[in-house]
Amino acid sequence: KFEHTLAGAAPDINNTPASFSNFGPEVDLAAPGVSIYSTCYVKPAGICSSTYAYLSGTSMATPHVAAVAALLASLPQFDTPERLRVALESTALDLGAPGWDQYYGY
């Protein structure tokens, strides 16, 4: 595990682990990652037929966590990576088994 990093998972619309999601002892948090409306690179080199599309992946979940971390980091009480981590993990909706688990983190 890398110090000062967060590893994410992506549940689906039913809050069950998405088929593509990361899981294991490294997972810290889960964030929405299925059917997220996003900008998309248009064909021929890209994967989309429009500049916007519903996409899925942990790469869709990551911006949710990064945005919340950035908002918290703008407040003086969250002036260290550890304080940010504690705030994110202690306020996350607990999915799956109570407490930390390998599919959702905290």
N, C-alpha and C. Protein backbone atom coordinates (compact mmCIF):
# COMPACT_ATOMS: atom_id res chain seq x y z
N LYS A 1 0.85 -1.17 0.00
CA LYS A 1 0.00 0.00 0.00
C LYS A 1 0.89 1.23 0.00
N PHE A 2 0.53 2.21 -0.82
CA PHE A 2 1.29 3.45 -0.89
C PHE A 2 0.76 4.44 0.15
N GLU A 3 1.67 5.03 0.88
CA GLU A 3 1.28 6.02 1.88
C GLU A 3 0.60 7.20 1.19
N HIS A 4 -0.42 7.75 1.81
CA HIS A 4 -1.15 8.92 1.31
C HIS A 4 -1.92 8.67 0.02
N THR A 5 -2.30 7.43 -0.24
CA THR A 5 -3.14 7.14 -1.40
C THR A 5 -4.41 6.44 -0.92
N LEU A 6 -5.43 6.52 -1.74
CA LEU A 6 -6.68 5.82 -1.47
C LEU A 6 -6.97 4.91 -2.66
N ALA A 7 -7.36 3.70 -2.38
CA ALA A 7 -7.75 2.76 -3.45
C ALA A 7 -9.26 2.66 -3.44
N GLY A 8 -9.84 2.67 -4.63
CA GLY A 8 -11.28 2.71 -4.72
C GLY A 8 -11.91 1.49 -5.37
N ALA A 9 -13.18 1.31 -5.05
CA ALA A 9 -14.01 0.28 -5.66
C ALA A 9 -15.23 0.98 -6.25
N ALA A 10 -15.98 0.25 -7.08
CA ALA A 10 -17.15 0.83 -7.73
C ALA A 10 -18.36 -0.09 -7.59
N PRO A 11 -19.33 0.29 -6.76
CA PRO A 11 -20.56 -0.49 -6.71
C PRO A 11 -21.48 -0.11 -7.87
N ASP A 12 -22.43 -1.00 -8.17
CA ASP A 12 -23.40 -0.69 -9.22
C ASP A 12 -24.59 0.05 -8.63
N ILE A 13 -25.63 0.23 -9.41
CA ILE A 13 -26.80 0.99 -8.98
C ILE A 13 -27.51 0.35 -7.78
N ASN A 14 -27.32 -0.94 -7.57
CA ASN A 14 -27.91 -1.64 -6.43
C ASN A 14 -26.96 -1.73 -5.23
N ASN A 15 -25.86 -1.00 -5.29
CA ASN A 15 -24.84 -1.00 -4.24
C ASN A 15 -24.21 -2.38 -4.03
N THR A 16 -24.13 -3.15 -5.09
CA THR A 16 -23.39 -4.40 -5.06
C THR A 16 -22.13 -4.20 -5.88
N PRO A 17 -21.07 -4.93 -5.60
CA PRO A 17 -19.82 -4.71 -6.34
C PRO A 17 -20.02 -4.88 -7.84
N ALA A 18 -19.56 -3.90 -8.60
CA ALA A 18 -19.62 -4.00 -10.06
C ALA A 18 -18.69 -5.12 -10.52
N SER A 19 -19.05 -5.74 -11.63
CA SER A 19 -18.28 -6.89 -12.12
C SER A 19 -16.82 -6.55 -12.40
N PHE A 20 -16.54 -5.31 -12.74
CA PHE A 20 -15.18 -4.89 -13.10
C PHE A 20 -14.43 -4.27 -11.92
N SER A 21 -15.07 -4.12 -10.78
CA SER A 21 -14.51 -3.35 -9.68
C SER A 21 -13.28 -4.01 -9.06
N ASN A 22 -12.42 -3.14 -8.54
CA ASN A 22 -11.30 -3.60 -7.72
C ASN A 22 -11.86 -4.16 -6.42
N PHE A 23 -11.16 -5.06 -5.81
CA PHE A 23 -11.49 -5.52 -4.46
C PHE A 23 -10.25 -6.11 -3.84
N GLY A 24 -10.26 -6.21 -2.53
CA GLY A 24 -9.14 -6.79 -1.81
C GLY A 24 -8.72 -5.91 -0.65
N PRO A 25 -7.61 -6.27 -0.02
CA PRO A 25 -7.18 -5.58 1.20
C PRO A 25 -6.78 -4.12 0.97
N GLU A 26 -6.55 -3.73 -0.27
CA GLU A 26 -6.13 -2.36 -0.55
C GLU A 26 -7.29 -1.37 -0.61
N VAL A 27 -8.52 -1.85 -0.81
CA VAL A 27 -9.66 -0.96 -1.03
C VAL A 27 -9.96 -0.14 0.22
N ASP A 28 -10.05 1.18 0.02
CA ASP A 28 -10.35 2.10 1.12
C ASP A 28 -11.80 2.61 1.05
N LEU A 29 -12.27 2.92 -0.15
CA LEU A 29 -13.58 3.53 -0.32
C LEU A 29 -14.24 3.02 -1.60
N ALA A 30 -15.55 3.17 -1.66
CA ALA A 30 -16.29 2.89 -2.88
C ALA A 30 -17.03 4.15 -3.29
N ALA A 31 -17.18 4.34 -4.59
CA ALA A 31 -17.90 5.51 -5.11
C ALA A 31 -18.61 5.07 -6.39
N PRO A 32 -19.67 5.79 -6.76
CA PRO A 32 -20.42 5.41 -7.96
C PRO A 32 -19.51 5.27 -9.19
N GLY A 33 -19.66 4.16 -9.89
CA GLY A 33 -18.81 3.92 -11.05
C GLY A 33 -19.50 3.24 -12.20
N VAL A 34 -20.83 3.11 -12.15
CA VAL A 34 -21.57 2.43 -13.21
C VAL A 34 -22.55 3.41 -13.85
N SER A 35 -22.51 3.48 -15.17
CA SER A 35 -23.40 4.35 -15.95
C SER A 35 -23.31 5.81 -15.51
N ILE A 36 -22.09 6.32 -15.45
CA ILE A 36 -21.85 7.71 -15.09
C ILE A 36 -21.79 8.54 -16.37
N TYR A 37 -22.62 9.58 -16.46
CA TYR A 37 -22.66 10.44 -17.63
C TYR A 37 -21.38 11.27 -17.66
N SER A 38 -20.64 11.16 -18.73
CA SER A 38 -19.31 11.77 -18.79
C SER A 38 -18.98 12.22 -20.20
N THR A 39 -17.97 13.07 -20.30
CA THR A 39 -17.44 13.39 -21.62
C THR A 39 -16.76 12.16 -22.18
N CYS A 40 -16.69 12.09 -23.49
CA CYS A 40 -16.15 10.89 -24.12
C CYS A 40 -15.44 11.24 -25.41
N TYR A 41 -14.33 10.58 -25.66
CA TYR A 41 -13.55 10.82 -26.88
C TYR A 41 -14.25 10.17 -28.08
N VAL A 42 -14.53 10.98 -29.08
CA VAL A 42 -15.32 10.54 -30.23
C VAL A 42 -14.49 9.72 -31.21
N LYS A 43 -15.15 8.77 -31.88
CA LYS A 43 -14.52 7.94 -32.93
C LYS A 43 -13.91 8.85 -33.98
N PRO A 44 -12.97 8.41 -34.78
CA PRO A 44 -12.53 7.05 -34.98
C PRO A 44 -11.54 6.54 -33.94
N ALA A 45 -10.81 7.42 -33.29
CA ALA A 45 -9.80 6.93 -32.34
C ALA A 45 -10.41 6.60 -30.98
N GLY A 46 -11.56 7.16 -30.67
CA GLY A 46 -12.15 6.97 -29.36
C GLY A 46 -13.16 5.84 -29.32
N ILE A 47 -13.83 5.72 -28.19
CA ILE A 47 -14.77 4.62 -27.99
C ILE A 47 -16.22 5.06 -28.12
N CYS A 48 -16.46 6.35 -28.32
CA CYS A 48 -17.83 6.87 -28.28
C CYS A 48 -18.27 7.43 -29.63
N SER A 49 -19.58 7.46 -29.82
CA SER A 49 -20.15 8.04 -31.03
C SER A 49 -20.63 9.46 -30.78
N SER A 50 -20.53 9.92 -29.53
CA SER A 50 -20.95 11.26 -29.13
C SER A 50 -19.92 11.81 -28.16
N THR A 51 -19.97 13.12 -27.93
CA THR A 51 -19.01 13.71 -26.99
C THR A 51 -19.39 13.46 -25.53
N TYR A 52 -20.59 12.91 -25.31
CA TYR A 52 -21.03 12.52 -23.98
C TYR A 52 -21.57 11.10 -24.04
N ALA A 53 -21.36 10.35 -22.96
CA ALA A 53 -21.84 8.97 -22.94
C ALA A 53 -21.92 8.50 -21.49
N TYR A 54 -22.69 7.44 -21.27
CA TYR A 54 -22.72 6.78 -19.97
C TYR A 54 -21.60 5.76 -19.95
N LEU A 55 -20.66 5.94 -19.03
CA LEU A 55 -19.49 5.08 -18.95
C LEU A 55 -19.43 4.41 -17.58
N SER A 56 -18.72 3.31 -17.51
CA SER A 56 -18.57 2.58 -16.26
C SER A 56 -17.11 2.22 -16.04
N GLY A 57 -16.70 2.19 -14.79
CA GLY A 57 -15.35 1.80 -14.44
C GLY A 57 -14.91 2.46 -13.15
N THR A 58 -13.85 1.93 -12.60
CA THR A 58 -13.32 2.59 -11.41
C THR A 58 -12.79 3.97 -11.77
N SER A 59 -12.47 4.18 -13.05
CA SER A 59 -12.05 5.51 -13.50
C SER A 59 -13.21 6.50 -13.46
N MET A 60 -14.42 6.02 -13.40
CA MET A 60 -15.59 6.89 -13.23
C MET A 60 -15.84 7.15 -11.75
N ALA A 61 -15.43 6.24 -10.88
CA ALA A 61 -15.61 6.40 -9.44
C ALA A 61 -14.56 7.34 -8.84
N THR A 62 -13.37 7.30 -9.36
CA THR A 62 -12.25 8.07 -8.80
C THR A 62 -12.53 9.57 -8.68
N PRO A 63 -13.12 10.23 -9.70
CA PRO A 63 -13.37 11.67 -9.56
C PRO A 63 -14.30 12.03 -8.40
N HIS A 64 -15.22 11.14 -8.04
CA HIS A 64 -16.10 11.41 -6.91
C HIS A 64 -15.28 11.56 -5.63
N VAL A 65 -14.38 10.63 -5.40
CA VAL A 65 -13.55 10.66 -4.20
C VAL A 65 -12.58 11.83 -4.25
N ALA A 66 -11.98 12.07 -5.40
CA ALA A 66 -11.02 13.17 -5.54
C ALA A 66 -11.69 14.53 -5.29
N ALA A 67 -12.92 14.68 -5.77
CA ALA A 67 -13.63 15.94 -5.57
C ALA A 67 -13.94 16.19 -4.11
N VAL A 68 -14.40 15.18 -3.40
CA VAL A 68 -14.69 15.34 -1.97
C VAL A 68 -13.39 15.63 -1.21
N ALA A 69 -12.33 14.92 -1.55
CA ALA A 69 -11.04 15.17 -0.90
C ALA A 69 -10.56 16.60 -1.15
N ALA A 70 -10.75 17.11 -2.36
CA ALA A 70 -10.33 18.48 -2.68
C ALA A 70 -11.15 19.50 -1.89
N LEU A 71 -12.45 19.26 -1.77
CA LEU A 71 -13.28 20.17 -0.99
C LEU A 71 -12.85 20.17 0.48
N LEU A 72 -12.61 18.98 1.04
CA LEU A 72 -12.16 18.91 2.42
C LEU A 72 -10.80 19.59 2.59
N ALA A 73 -9.91 19.39 1.64
CA ALA A 73 -8.55 19.96 1.72
C ALA A 73 -8.58 21.49 1.72
N SER A 74 -9.68 22.07 1.27
CA SER A 74 -9.78 23.53 1.27
C SER A 74 -10.12 24.08 2.66
N LEU A 75 -10.45 23.19 3.58
CA LEU A 75 -10.77 23.60 4.95
C LEU A 75 -9.56 23.43 5.86
N PRO A 76 -9.34 24.37 6.77
CA PRO A 76 -8.12 24.34 7.58
C PRO A 76 -7.96 23.10 8.47
N GLN A 77 -9.05 22.49 8.90
CA GLN A 77 -8.92 21.33 9.80
C GLN A 77 -8.46 20.07 9.08
N PHE A 78 -8.46 20.08 7.76
CA PHE A 78 -8.01 18.92 6.98
C PHE A 78 -6.68 19.25 6.30
N ASP A 79 -5.69 19.54 7.12
CA ASP A 79 -4.41 20.03 6.61
C ASP A 79 -3.35 18.96 6.44
N THR A 80 -3.71 17.68 6.64
CA THR A 80 -2.76 16.60 6.42
C THR A 80 -3.47 15.47 5.66
N PRO A 81 -2.71 14.66 4.94
CA PRO A 81 -3.32 13.51 4.26
C PRO A 81 -4.04 12.58 5.22
N GLU A 82 -3.51 12.39 6.42
CA GLU A 82 -4.14 11.49 7.39
C GLU A 82 -5.49 12.03 7.85
N ARG A 83 -5.59 13.33 8.06
CA ARG A 83 -6.88 13.91 8.45
C ARG A 83 -7.91 13.76 7.33
N LEU A 84 -7.47 13.93 6.10
CA LEU A 84 -8.37 13.72 4.96
C LEU A 84 -8.85 12.27 4.91
N ARG A 85 -7.93 11.35 5.06
CA ARG A 85 -8.27 9.93 5.02
C ARG A 85 -9.29 9.57 6.10
N VAL A 86 -9.04 10.02 7.32
CA VAL A 86 -9.95 9.71 8.42
C VAL A 86 -11.33 10.29 8.15
N ALA A 87 -11.39 11.51 7.65
CA ALA A 87 -12.68 12.13 7.35
C ALA A 87 -13.43 11.35 6.28
N LEU A 88 -12.76 10.97 5.21
CA LEU A 88 -13.41 10.23 4.13
C LEU A 88 -13.87 8.85 4.61
N GLU A 89 -13.01 8.15 5.29
CA GLU A 89 -13.35 6.78 5.72
C GLU A 89 -14.42 6.76 6.81
N SER A 90 -14.40 7.73 7.71
CA SER A 90 -15.35 7.71 8.83
C SER A 90 -16.73 8.24 8.46
N THR A 91 -16.85 8.91 7.33
CA THR A 91 -18.15 9.45 6.93
C THR A 91 -18.75 8.72 5.72
N ALA A 92 -18.07 7.72 5.21
CA ALA A 92 -18.58 6.98 4.05
C ALA A 92 -19.78 6.13 4.46
N LEU A 93 -20.73 5.98 3.54
CA LEU A 93 -21.86 5.08 3.76
C LEU A 93 -21.31 3.67 3.83
N ASP A 94 -21.61 2.96 4.88
CA ASP A 94 -21.07 1.62 5.10
C ASP A 94 -21.89 0.60 4.31
N LEU A 95 -21.35 0.15 3.19
CA LEU A 95 -21.99 -0.89 2.38
C LEU A 95 -21.35 -2.23 2.72
N GLY A 96 -22.05 -3.31 2.47
CA GLY A 96 -21.49 -4.63 2.73
C GLY A 96 -21.44 -4.95 4.21
N ALA A 97 -20.45 -5.76 4.59
CA ALA A 97 -20.28 -6.14 5.99
C ALA A 97 -20.00 -4.89 6.83
N PRO A 98 -20.48 -4.85 8.07
CA PRO A 98 -20.22 -3.68 8.92
C PRO A 98 -18.72 -3.42 9.08
N GLY A 99 -18.35 -2.14 9.02
CA GLY A 99 -16.94 -1.76 9.09
C GLY A 99 -16.26 -1.96 7.75
N TRP A 100 -14.96 -2.06 7.78
CA TRP A 100 -14.20 -2.25 6.54
C TRP A 100 -14.46 -3.63 5.96
N ASP A 101 -14.56 -3.70 4.63
CA ASP A 101 -14.58 -5.00 3.94
C ASP A 101 -13.88 -4.86 2.60
N GLN A 102 -13.50 -5.97 2.01
CA GLN A 102 -12.67 -5.98 0.80
C GLN A 102 -13.39 -5.51 -0.47
N TYR A 103 -14.71 -5.41 -0.45
CA TYR A 103 -15.46 -5.00 -1.64
C TYR A 103 -15.82 -3.53 -1.65
N TYR A 104 -15.91 -2.90 -0.49
CA TYR A 104 -16.33 -1.50 -0.42
C TYR A 104 -15.37 -0.62 0.37
N GLY A 105 -14.45 -1.20 1.10
CA GLY A 105 -13.62 -0.41 2.00
C GLY A 105 -14.44 0.00 3.20
N TYR A 106 -14.38 1.28 3.55
CA TYR A 106 -15.09 1.77 4.75
C TYR A 106 -16.46 2.23 4.41
